[in-house]
Amino acid sequence: DFGPHAAGDLRRHDRLANTGDLVVNSLWDPVTQEVAAFEE
């Protein structure tokens, strides 16, 4: 549900210097069109 660019984005991000050991994205609800920010 994250769009046609998502896989390419993550391949690119995996190669970036200083990316996280784990990269975590919140939920995306395509019905309500909402995400859940890890910041307030």
PDB file of all heavy atoms in Angstrom:
ATOM      1  N   ASP A   1       0.804  -1.228   0.000  1.00  0.00           N
ATOM      2  CA  ASP A   1       0.000   0.000   0.000  1.00  0.00           C
ATOM      3  C   ASP A   1       0.833   1.273   0.000  1.00  0.00           C
ATOM      4  O   ASP A   1       0.276   2.371   0.155  1.00  0.00           O
ATOM      5  CB  ASP A   1      -0.924   0.006   1.223  1.00  0.00           C
ATOM      6  CG  ASP A   1      -1.975  -1.094   1.168  1.00  0.00           C
ATOM      7  OD1 ASP A   1      -2.489  -1.350   0.070  1.00  0.00           O
ATOM      8  OD2 ASP A   1      -2.264  -1.679   2.232  1.00  0.00           O
ATOM      9  N   PHE A   2       2.143   1.148  -0.162  1.00  0.00           N
ATOM     10  CA  PHE A   2       3.016   2.321  -0.025  1.00  0.00           C
ATOM     11  C   PHE A   2       3.439   2.935  -1.357  1.00  0.00           C
ATOM     12  O   PHE A   2       4.292   3.812  -1.381  1.00  0.00           O
ATOM     13  CB  PHE A   2       4.238   1.962   0.814  1.00  0.00           C
ATOM     14  CG  PHE A   2       3.938   1.818   2.282  1.00  0.00           C
ATOM     15  CD1 PHE A   2       3.562   0.594   2.805  1.00  0.00           C
ATOM     16  CD2 PHE A   2       3.986   2.920   3.124  1.00  0.00           C
ATOM     17  CE1 PHE A   2       3.261   0.456   4.148  1.00  0.00           C
ATOM     18  CE2 PHE A   2       3.687   2.788   4.472  1.00  0.00           C
ATOM     19  CZ  PHE A   2       3.313   1.553   4.987  1.00  0.00           C
ATOM     20  N   GLY A   3       2.843   2.506  -2.453  1.00  0.00           N
ATOM     21  CA  GLY A   3       3.074   3.164  -3.725  1.00  0.00           C
ATOM     22  C   GLY A   3       4.155   2.513  -4.574  1.00  0.00           C
ATOM     23  O   GLY A   3       4.967   1.709  -4.088  1.00  0.00           O
ATOM     24  N   PRO A   4       4.208   2.881  -5.859  1.00  0.00           N
ATOM     25  CA  PRO A   4       5.122   2.225  -6.807  1.00  0.00           C
ATOM     26  C   PRO A   4       6.593   2.546  -6.585  1.00  0.00           C
ATOM     27  O   PRO A   4       7.456   1.827  -7.083  1.00  0.00           O
ATOM     28  CB  PRO A   4       4.653   2.759  -8.162  1.00  0.00           C
ATOM     29  CG  PRO A   4       3.996   4.086  -7.847  1.00  0.00           C
ATOM     30  CD  PRO A   4       3.351   3.897  -6.517  1.00  0.00           C
ATOM     31  N   HIS A   5       6.893   3.626  -5.860  1.00  0.00           N
ATOM     32  CA  HIS A   5       8.292   4.001  -5.646  1.00  0.00           C
ATOM     33  C   HIS A   5       8.887   3.386  -4.377  1.00  0.00           C
ATOM     34  O   HIS A   5      10.081   3.554  -4.124  1.00  0.00           O
ATOM     35  CB  HIS A   5       8.414   5.527  -5.538  1.00  0.00           C
ATOM     36  CG  HIS A   5       8.048   6.258  -6.788  1.00  0.00           C
ATOM     37  ND1 HIS A   5       8.883   6.346  -7.879  1.00  0.00           N
ATOM     38  CD2 HIS A   5       6.927   6.952  -7.112  1.00  0.00           C
ATOM     39  CE1 HIS A   5       8.300   7.063  -8.827  1.00  0.00           C
ATOM     40  NE2 HIS A   5       7.117   7.441  -8.389  1.00  0.00           N
ATOM     41  N   ALA A   6       8.064   2.717  -3.576  1.00  0.00           N
ATOM     42  CA  ALA A   6       8.505   2.317  -2.244  1.00  0.00           C
ATOM     43  C   ALA A   6       9.715   1.393  -2.281  1.00  0.00           C
ATOM     44  O   ALA A   6      10.696   1.602  -1.552  1.00  0.00           O
ATOM     45  CB  ALA A   6       7.348   1.662  -1.486  1.00  0.00           C
ATOM     46  N   ALA A   7       9.669   0.356  -3.099  1.00  0.00           N
ATOM     47  CA  ALA A   7      10.781  -0.599  -3.126  1.00  0.00           C
ATOM     48  C   ALA A   7      12.074   0.073  -3.573  1.00  0.00           C
ATOM     49  O   ALA A   7      13.144  -0.140  -2.980  1.00  0.00           O
ATOM     50  CB  ALA A   7      10.445  -1.776  -4.046  1.00  0.00           C
ATOM     51  N   GLY A   8      11.994   0.925  -4.606  1.00  0.00           N
ATOM     52  CA  GLY A   8      13.181   1.639  -5.054  1.00  0.00           C
ATOM     53  C   GLY A   8      13.706   2.586  -3.992  1.00  0.00           C
ATOM     54  O   GLY A   8      14.922   2.737  -3.818  1.00  0.00           O
ATOM     55  N   ASP A   9      12.790   3.229  -3.266  1.00  0.00           N
ATOM     56  CA  ASP A   9      13.199   4.110  -2.177  1.00  0.00           C
ATOM     57  C   ASP A   9      13.997   3.352  -1.123  1.00  0.00           C
ATOM     58  O   ASP A   9      15.033   3.831  -0.635  1.00  0.00           O
ATOM     59  CB  ASP A   9      11.957   4.717  -1.514  1.00  0.00           C
ATOM     60  CG  ASP A   9      11.644   6.101  -2.047  1.00  0.00           C
ATOM     61  OD1 ASP A   9      12.373   6.576  -2.927  1.00  0.00           O
ATOM     62  OD2 ASP A   9      10.672   6.711  -1.580  1.00  0.00           O
ATOM     63  N   LEU A  10      13.517   2.172  -0.755  1.00  0.00           N
ATOM     64  CA  LEU A  10      14.180   1.433   0.308  1.00  0.00           C
ATOM     65  C   LEU A  10      15.512   0.846  -0.164  1.00  0.00           C
ATOM     66  O   LEU A  10      16.456   0.747   0.627  1.00  0.00           O
ATOM     67  CB  LEU A  10      13.262   0.334   0.841  1.00  0.00           C
ATOM     68  CG  LEU A  10      12.006   0.852   1.558  1.00  0.00           C
ATOM     69  CD1 LEU A  10      11.310  -0.272   2.314  1.00  0.00           C
ATOM     70  CD2 LEU A  10      12.315   1.977   2.511  1.00  0.00           C
ATOM     71  N   ARG A  11      15.611   0.448  -1.433  1.00  0.00           N
ATOM     72  CA  ARG A  11      16.925   0.013  -1.948  1.00  0.00           C
ATOM     73  C   ARG A  11      17.927   1.162  -1.836  1.00  0.00           C
ATOM     74  O   ARG A  11      19.073   0.962  -1.418  1.00  0.00           O
ATOM     75  CB  ARG A  11      16.802  -0.424  -3.403  1.00  0.00           C
ATOM     76  CG  ARG A  11      16.066  -1.724  -3.607  1.00  0.00           C
ATOM     77  CD  ARG A  11      16.195  -2.206  -5.053  1.00  0.00           C
ATOM     78  NE  ARG A  11      15.153  -3.169  -5.334  1.00  0.00           N
ATOM     79  CZ  ARG A  11      13.989  -2.878  -5.907  1.00  0.00           C
ATOM     80  NH1 ARG A  11      13.738  -1.629  -6.293  1.00  0.00           N
ATOM     81  NH2 ARG A  11      13.090  -3.816  -6.101  1.00  0.00           N
ATOM     82  N   ARG A  12      17.483   2.339  -2.233  1.00  0.00           N
ATOM     83  CA  ARG A  12      18.360   3.514  -2.152  1.00  0.00           C
ATOM     84  C   ARG A  12      18.715   3.820  -0.703  1.00  0.00           C
ATOM     85  O   ARG A  12      19.880   4.074  -0.375  1.00  0.00           O
ATOM     86  CB  ARG A  12      17.662   4.714  -2.802  1.00  0.00           C
ATOM     87  CG  ARG A  12      18.369   6.055  -2.612  1.00  0.00           C
ATOM     88  CD  ARG A  12      17.551   7.166  -3.251  1.00  0.00           C
ATOM     89  NE  ARG A  12      18.126   8.489  -2.996  1.00  0.00           N
ATOM     90  CZ  ARG A  12      17.854   9.229  -1.931  1.00  0.00           C
ATOM     91  NH1 ARG A  12      17.009   8.776  -1.007  1.00  0.00           N
ATOM     92  NH2 ARG A  12      18.411  10.421  -1.782  1.00  0.00           N
ATOM     93  N   HIS A  13      17.723   3.826   0.170  1.00  0.00           N
ATOM     94  CA  HIS A  13      17.970   4.183   1.559  1.00  0.00           C
ATOM     95  C   HIS A  13      18.882   3.177   2.242  1.00  0.00           C
ATOM     96  O   HIS A  13      19.692   3.547   3.102  1.00  0.00           O
ATOM     97  CB  HIS A  13      16.641   4.294   2.318  1.00  0.00           C
ATOM     98  CG  HIS A  13      16.683   5.231   3.476  1.00  0.00           C
ATOM     99  ND1 HIS A  13      17.142   4.865   4.713  1.00  0.00           N
ATOM    100  CD2 HIS A  13      16.362   6.553   3.586  1.00  0.00           C
ATOM    101  CE1 HIS A  13      17.079   5.896   5.536  1.00  0.00           C
ATOM    102  NE2 HIS A  13      16.610   6.933   4.878  1.00  0.00           N
ATOM    103  N   ASP A  14      18.785   1.942   1.848  1.00  0.00           N
ATOM    104  CA  ASP A  14      19.650   0.910   2.422  1.00  0.00           C
ATOM    105  C   ASP A  14      21.122   1.176   2.140  1.00  0.00           C
ATOM    106  O   ASP A  14      21.991   0.757   2.901  1.00  0.00           O
ATOM    107  CB  ASP A  14      19.239  -0.462   1.858  1.00  0.00           C
ATOM    108  CG  ASP A  14      20.127  -1.584   2.340  1.00  0.00           C
ATOM    109  OD1 ASP A  14      20.046  -1.926   3.534  1.00  0.00           O
ATOM    110  OD2 ASP A  14      20.920  -2.100   1.519  1.00  0.00           O
ATOM    111  N   ARG A  15      21.392   1.906   1.046  1.00  0.00           N
ATOM    112  CA  ARG A  15      22.780   2.183   0.667  1.00  0.00           C
ATOM    113  C   ARG A  15      23.315   3.493   1.237  1.00  0.00           C
ATOM    114  O   ARG A  15      24.501   3.788   1.076  1.00  0.00           O
ATOM    115  CB  ARG A  15      22.898   2.228  -0.865  1.00  0.00           C
ATOM    116  CG  ARG A  15      22.562   0.914  -1.564  1.00  0.00           C
ATOM    117  CD  ARG A  15      22.937   0.964  -3.037  1.00  0.00           C
ATOM    118  NE  ARG A  15      22.177   1.973  -3.759  1.00  0.00           N
ATOM    119  CZ  ARG A  15      21.028   1.735  -4.392  1.00  0.00           C
ATOM    120  NH1 ARG A  15      20.504   0.507  -4.366  1.00  0.00           N
ATOM    121  NH2 ARG A  15      20.394   2.693  -5.042  1.00  0.00           N
ATOM    122  N   LEU A  16      22.468   4.303   1.864  1.00  0.00           N
ATOM    123  CA  LEU A  16      22.905   5.604   2.352  1.00  0.00           C
ATOM    124  C   LEU A  16      23.859   5.467   3.532  1.00  0.00           C
ATOM    125  O   LEU A  16      23.690   4.592   4.393  1.00  0.00           O
ATOM    126  CB  LEU A  16      21.708   6.453   2.784  1.00  0.00           C
ATOM    127  CG  LEU A  16      20.689   6.833   1.711  1.00  0.00           C
ATOM    128  CD1 LEU A  16      19.623   7.739   2.304  1.00  0.00           C
ATOM    129  CD2 LEU A  16      21.354   7.504   0.515  1.00  0.00           C
ATOM    130  N   ALA A  17      24.844   6.332   3.553  1.00  0.00           N
ATOM    131  CA  ALA A  17      25.711   6.402   4.727  1.00  0.00           C
ATOM    132  C   ALA A  17      24.880   6.841   5.929  1.00  0.00           C
ATOM    133  O   ALA A  17      24.002   7.701   5.811  1.00  0.00           O
ATOM    134  CB  ALA A  17      26.850   7.394   4.485  1.00  0.00           C
ATOM    135  N   ASN A  18      25.130   6.247   7.067  1.00  0.00           N
ATOM    136  CA  ASN A  18      24.513   6.624   8.335  1.00  0.00           C
ATOM    137  C   ASN A  18      23.024   6.309   8.414  1.00  0.00           C
ATOM    138  O   ASN A  18      22.326   6.848   9.284  1.00  0.00           O
ATOM    139  CB  ASN A  18      24.736   8.112   8.634  1.00  0.00           C
ATOM    140  CG  ASN A  18      26.204   8.466   8.721  1.00  0.00           C
ATOM    141  OD1 ASN A  18      26.954   7.864   9.465  1.00  0.00           O
ATOM    142  ND2 ASN A  18      26.619   9.450   7.916  1.00  0.00           N
ATOM    143  N   THR A  19      22.518   5.447   7.535  1.00  0.00           N
ATOM    144  CA  THR A  19      21.155   4.983   7.747  1.00  0.00           C
ATOM    145  C   THR A  19      21.125   4.086   8.973  1.00  0.00           C
ATOM    146  O   THR A  19      22.160   3.652   9.477  1.00  0.00           O
ATOM    147  CB  THR A  19      20.623   4.230   6.523  1.00  0.00           C
ATOM    148  OG1 THR A  19      19.220   4.006   6.694  1.00  0.00           O
ATOM    149  CG2 THR A  19      21.309   2.881   6.343  1.00  0.00           C
ATOM    150  N   GLY A  20      19.942   3.825   9.492  1.00  0.00           N
ATOM    151  CA  GLY A  20      19.849   3.043  10.716  1.00  0.00           C
ATOM    152  C   GLY A  20      20.152   1.566  10.498  1.00  0.00           C
ATOM    153  O   GLY A  20      20.042   1.040   9.385  1.00  0.00           O
ATOM    154  N   ASP A  21      20.532   0.897  11.585  1.00  0.00           N
ATOM    155  CA  ASP A  21      20.627  -0.564  11.522  1.00  0.00           C
ATOM    156  C   ASP A  21      19.248  -1.139  11.239  1.00  0.00           C
ATOM    157  O   ASP A  21      19.118  -2.145  10.527  1.00  0.00           O
ATOM    158  CB  ASP A  21      21.172  -1.111  12.846  1.00  0.00           C
ATOM    159  CG  ASP A  21      22.599  -0.638  13.106  1.00  0.00           C
ATOM    160  OD1 ASP A  21      23.405  -0.620  12.157  1.00  0.00           O
ATOM    161  OD2 ASP A  21      22.908  -0.268  14.253  1.00  0.00           O
ATOM    162  N   LEU A  22      18.237  -0.510  11.798  1.00  0.00           N
ATOM    163  CA  LEU A  22      16.847  -0.789  11.457  1.00  0.00           C
ATOM    164  C   LEU A  22      16.199   0.507  11.006  1.00  0.00           C
ATOM    165  O   LEU A  22      16.416   1.566  11.601  1.00  0.00           O
ATOM    166  CB  LEU A  22      16.079  -1.330  12.670  1.00  0.00           C
ATOM    167  CG  LEU A  22      16.503  -2.687  13.230  1.00  0.00           C
ATOM    168  CD1 LEU A  22      15.713  -2.998  14.496  1.00  0.00           C
ATOM    169  CD2 LEU A  22      16.298  -3.784  12.200  1.00  0.00           C
ATOM    170  N   VAL A  23      15.417   0.431   9.943  1.00  0.00           N
ATOM    171  CA  VAL A  23      14.642   1.566   9.458  1.00  0.00           C
ATOM    172  C   VAL A  23      13.173   1.188   9.606  1.00  0.00           C
ATOM    173  O   VAL A  23      12.747   0.154   9.077  1.00  0.00           O
ATOM    174  CB  VAL A  23      14.968   1.905   7.995  1.00  0.00           C
ATOM    175  CG1 VAL A  23      14.146   3.096   7.514  1.00  0.00           C
ATOM    176  CG2 VAL A  23      16.461   2.178   7.818  1.00  0.00           C
ATOM    177  N   VAL A  24      12.420   1.987  10.337  1.00  0.00           N
ATOM    178  CA  VAL A  24      11.046   1.636  10.692  1.00  0.00           C
ATOM    179  C   VAL A  24      10.098   2.719  10.205  1.00  0.00           C
ATOM    180  O   VAL A  24      10.338   3.911  10.424  1.00  0.00           O
ATOM    181  CB  VAL A  24      10.900   1.464  12.222  1.00  0.00           C
ATOM    182  CG1 VAL A  24       9.484   1.012  12.579  1.00  0.00           C
ATOM    183  CG2 VAL A  24      11.935   0.483  12.757  1.00  0.00           C
ATOM    184  N   ASN A  25       9.019   2.303   9.555  1.00  0.00           N
ATOM    185  CA  ASN A  25       7.981   3.225   9.090  1.00  0.00           C
ATOM    186  C   ASN A  25       6.679   2.902   9.804  1.00  0.00           C
ATOM    187  O   ASN A  25       6.361   1.735  10.048  1.00  0.00           O
ATOM    188  CB  ASN A  25       7.767   3.083   7.582  1.00  0.00           C
ATOM    189  CG  ASN A  25       7.077   4.289   6.957  1.00  0.00           C
ATOM    190  OD1 ASN A  25       7.738   5.208   6.500  1.00  0.00           O
ATOM    191  ND2 ASN A  25       5.746   4.286   6.917  1.00  0.00           N
ATOM    192  N   SER A  26       5.915   3.924  10.122  1.00  0.00           N
ATOM    193  CA  SER A  26       4.644   3.703  10.813  1.00  0.00           C
ATOM    194  C   SER A  26       3.627   3.064   9.874  1.00  0.00           C
ATOM    195  O   SER A  26       3.852   2.898   8.675  1.00  0.00           O
ATOM    196  CB  SER A  26       4.087   5.029  11.331  1.00  0.00           C
ATOM    197  OG  SER A  26       3.354   5.708  10.317  1.00  0.00           O
ATOM    198  N   LEU A  27       2.476   2.773  10.436  1.00  0.00           N
ATOM    199  CA  LEU A  27       1.363   2.303   9.608  1.00  0.00           C
ATOM    200  C   LEU A  27       0.968   3.365   8.593  1.00  0.00           C
ATOM    201  O   LEU A  27       1.200   4.559   8.783  1.00  0.00           O
ATOM    202  CB  LEU A  27       0.157   1.966  10.496  1.00  0.00           C
ATOM    203  CG  LEU A  27      -0.543   3.118  11.239  1.00  0.00           C
ATOM    204  CD1 LEU A  27      -1.588   3.841  10.377  1.00  0.00           C
ATOM    205  CD2 LEU A  27      -1.219   2.610  12.493  1.00  0.00           C
ATOM    206  N   TRP A  28       0.362   2.930   7.505  1.00  0.00           N
ATOM    207  CA  TRP A  28      -0.316   3.809   6.557  1.00  0.00           C
ATOM    208  C   TRP A  28      -1.638   3.150   6.229  1.00  0.00           C
ATOM    209  O   TRP A  28      -1.677   2.025   5.731  1.00  0.00           O
ATOM    210  CB  TRP A  28       0.508   4.028   5.294  1.00  0.00           C
ATOM    211  CG  TRP A  28      -0.279   4.406   4.070  1.00  0.00           C
ATOM    212  CD1 TRP A  28      -0.436   3.684   2.926  1.00  0.00           C
ATOM    213  CD2 TRP A  28      -1.037   5.603   3.873  1.00  0.00           C
ATOM    214  NE1 TRP A  28      -1.240   4.346   2.022  1.00  0.00           N
ATOM    215  CE2 TRP A  28      -1.621   5.528   2.590  1.00  0.00           C
ATOM    216  CE3 TRP A  28      -1.289   6.724   4.654  1.00  0.00           C
ATOM    217  CZ2 TRP A  28      -2.433   6.537   2.069  1.00  0.00           C
ATOM    218  CZ3 TRP A  28      -2.093   7.730   4.140  1.00  0.00           C
ATOM    219  CH2 TRP A  28      -2.653   7.642   2.860  1.00  0.00           C
ATOM    220  N   ASP A  29      -2.734   3.831   6.563  1.00  0.00           N
ATOM    221  CA  ASP A  29      -4.069   3.294   6.331  1.00  0.00           C
ATOM    222  C   ASP A  29      -4.633   3.929   5.069  1.00  0.00           C
ATOM    223  O   ASP A  29      -5.003   5.108   5.080  1.00  0.00           O
ATOM    224  CB  ASP A  29      -4.978   3.593   7.523  1.00  0.00           C
ATOM    225  CG  ASP A  29      -6.322   2.895   7.423  1.00  0.00           C
ATOM    226  OD1 ASP A  29      -6.793   2.662   6.296  1.00  0.00           O
ATOM    227  OD2 ASP A  29      -6.916   2.582   8.480  1.00  0.00           O
ATOM    228  N   PRO A  30      -4.701   3.177   3.966  1.00  0.00           N
ATOM    229  CA  PRO A  30      -5.188   3.772   2.721  1.00  0.00           C
ATOM    230  C   PRO A  30      -6.671   4.123   2.750  1.00  0.00           C
ATOM    231  O   PRO A  30      -7.144   4.870   1.896  1.00  0.00           O
ATOM    232  CB  PRO A  30      -4.890   2.685   1.680  1.00  0.00           C
ATOM    233  CG  PRO A  30      -4.826   1.415   2.457  1.00  0.00           C
ATOM    234  CD  PRO A  30      -4.305   1.770   3.806  1.00  0.00           C
ATOM    235  N   VAL A  31      -7.407   3.609   3.736  1.00  0.00           N
ATOM    236  CA  VAL A  31      -8.831   3.931   3.846  1.00  0.00           C
ATOM    237  C   VAL A  31      -9.012   5.280   4.545  1.00  0.00           C
ATOM    238  O   VAL A  31      -9.681   6.187   4.030  1.00  0.00           O
ATOM    239  CB  VAL A  31      -9.588   2.819   4.600  1.00  0.00           C
ATOM    240  CG1 VAL A  31     -11.059   3.213   4.772  1.00  0.00           C
ATOM    241  CG2 VAL A  31      -9.472   1.492   3.849  1.00  0.00           C
ATOM    242  N   THR A  32      -8.418   5.431   5.717  1.00  0.00           N
ATOM    243  CA  THR A  32      -8.531   6.699   6.449  1.00  0.00           C
ATOM    244  C   THR A  32      -7.509   7.726   5.992  1.00  0.00           C
ATOM    245  O   THR A  32      -7.596   8.897   6.377  1.00  0.00           O
ATOM    246  CB  THR A  32      -8.343   6.467   7.955  1.00  0.00           C
ATOM    247  OG1 THR A  32      -7.003   5.988   8.200  1.00  0.00           O
ATOM    248  CG2 THR A  32      -9.350   5.446   8.475  1.00  0.00           C
ATOM    249  N   GLN A  33      -6.516   7.281   5.182  1.00  0.00           N
ATOM    250  CA  GLN A  33      -5.452   8.168   4.700  1.00  0.00           C
ATOM    251  C   GLN A  33      -4.630   8.728   5.857  1.00  0.00           C
ATOM    252  O   GLN A  33      -4.219   9.888   5.834  1.00  0.00           O
ATOM    253  CB  GLN A  33      -6.034   9.321   3.879  1.00  0.00           C
ATOM    254  CG  GLN A  33      -6.812   8.871   2.649  1.00  0.00           C
ATOM    255  CD  GLN A  33      -5.902   8.518   1.480  1.00  0.00           C
ATOM    256  OE1 GLN A  33      -5.204   9.364   0.944  1.00  0.00           O
ATOM    257  NE2 GLN A  33      -5.921   7.258   1.074  1.00  0.00           N
ATOM    258  N   GLU A  34      -4.363   7.898   6.868  1.00  0.00           N
ATOM    259  CA  GLU A  34      -3.639   8.364   8.038  1.00  0.00           C
ATOM    260  C   GLU A  34      -2.364   7.565   8.276  1.00  0.00           C
ATOM    261  O   GLU A  34      -2.268   6.387   7.918  1.00  0.00           O
ATOM    262  CB  GLU A  34      -4.524   8.279   9.294  1.00  0.00           C
ATOM    263  CG  GLU A  34      -5.625   9.315   9.330  1.00  0.00           C
ATOM    264  CD  GLU A  34      -6.260   9.441  10.703  1.00  0.00           C
ATOM    265  OE1 GLU A  34      -5.848   8.710  11.629  1.00  0.00           O
ATOM    266  OE2 GLU A  34      -7.163  10.279  10.861  1.00  0.00           O
ATOM    267  N   VAL A  35      -1.390   8.240   8.894  1.00  0.00           N
ATOM    268  CA  VAL A  35      -0.163   7.622   9.382  1.00  0.00           C
ATOM    269  C   VAL A  35      -0.131   7.808  10.899  1.00  0.00           C
ATOM    270  O   VAL A  35      -1.060   8.360  11.485  1.00  0.00           O
ATOM    271  CB  VAL A  35       1.084   8.250   8.723  1.00  0.00           C
ATOM    272  CG1 VAL A  35       1.088   8.013   7.222  1.00  0.00           C
ATOM    273  CG2 VAL A  35       1.167   9.746   9.034  1.00  0.00           C
ATOM    274  N   ALA A  36       0.938   7.346  11.535  1.00  0.00           N
ATOM    275  CA  ALA A  36       1.072   7.486  12.993  1.00  0.00           C
ATOM    276  C   ALA A  36       2.486   7.958  13.303  1.00  0.00           C
ATOM    277  O   ALA A  36       3.408   7.154  13.406  1.00  0.00           O
ATOM    278  CB  ALA A  36       0.783   6.157  13.686  1.00  0.00           C
ATOM    279  N   ALA A  37       2.644   9.265  13.455  1.00  0.00           N
ATOM    280  CA  ALA A  37       3.974   9.836  13.662  1.00  0.00           C
ATOM    281  C   ALA A  37       4.581   9.347  14.967  1.00  0.00           C
ATOM    282  O   ALA A  37       3.894   9.180  15.975  1.00  0.00           O
ATOM    283  CB  ALA A  37       3.901  11.357  13.659  1.00  0.00           C
ATOM    284  N   PHE A  38       5.901   9.134  14.941  1.00  0.00           N
ATOM    285  CA  PHE A  38       6.635   8.762  16.147  1.00  0.00           C
ATOM    286  C   PHE A  38       6.983   9.991  16.986  1.00  0.00           C
ATOM    287  O   PHE A  38       7.455   9.856  18.113  1.00  0.00           O
ATOM    288  CB  PHE A  38       7.906   8.001  15.768  1.00  0.00           C
ATOM    289  CG  PHE A  38       7.632   6.751  14.979  1.00  0.00           C
ATOM    290  CD1 PHE A  38       8.335   6.475  13.815  1.00  0.00           C
ATOM    291  CD2 PHE A  38       6.671   5.848  15.398  1.00  0.00           C
ATOM    292  CE1 PHE A  38       8.081   5.326  13.085  1.00  0.00           C
ATOM    293  CE2 PHE A  38       6.415   4.692  14.680  1.00  0.00           C
ATOM    294  CZ  PHE A  38       7.117   4.433  13.516  1.00  0.00           C
ATOM    295  N   GLU A  39       6.767  11.172  16.431  1.00  0.00           N
ATOM    296  CA  GLU A  39       6.854  12.424  17.179  1.00  0.00           C
ATOM    297  C   GLU A  39       5.443  12.893  17.484  1.00  0.00           C
ATOM    298  O   GLU A  39       4.479  12.431  16.876  1.00  0.00           O
ATOM    299  CB  GLU A  39       7.580  13.495  16.357  1.00  0.00           C
ATOM    300  CG  GLU A  39       8.974  13.122  15.918  1.00  0.00           C
ATOM    301  CD  GLU A  39       9.577  14.195  15.041  1.00  0.00           C
ATOM    302  OE1 GLU A  39       9.283  14.215  13.837  1.00  0.00           O
ATOM    303  OE2 GLU A  39      10.325  15.026  15.575  1.00  0.00           O
ATOM    304  N   GLU A  40       5.303  13.836  18.409  1.00  0.00           N
ATOM    305  CA  GLU A  40       3.977  14.316  18.774  1.00  0.00           C
ATOM    306  C   GLU A  40       3.528  15.431  17.839  1.00  0.00           C
ATOM    307  O   GLU A  40       3.421  16.601  18.209  1.00  0.00           O
ATOM    308  CB  GLU A  40       3.955  14.751  20.240  1.00  0.00           C
ATOM    309  CG  GLU A  40       4.038  13.595  21.207  1.00  0.00           C
ATOM    310  CD  GLU A  40       2.987  12.518  20.923  1.00  0.00           C
ATOM    311  OE1 GLU A  40       1.787  12.816  21.020  1.00  0.00           O
ATOM    312  OE2 GLU A  40       3.382  11.385  20.561  1.00  0.00           O
TER     313      GLU A  40
END
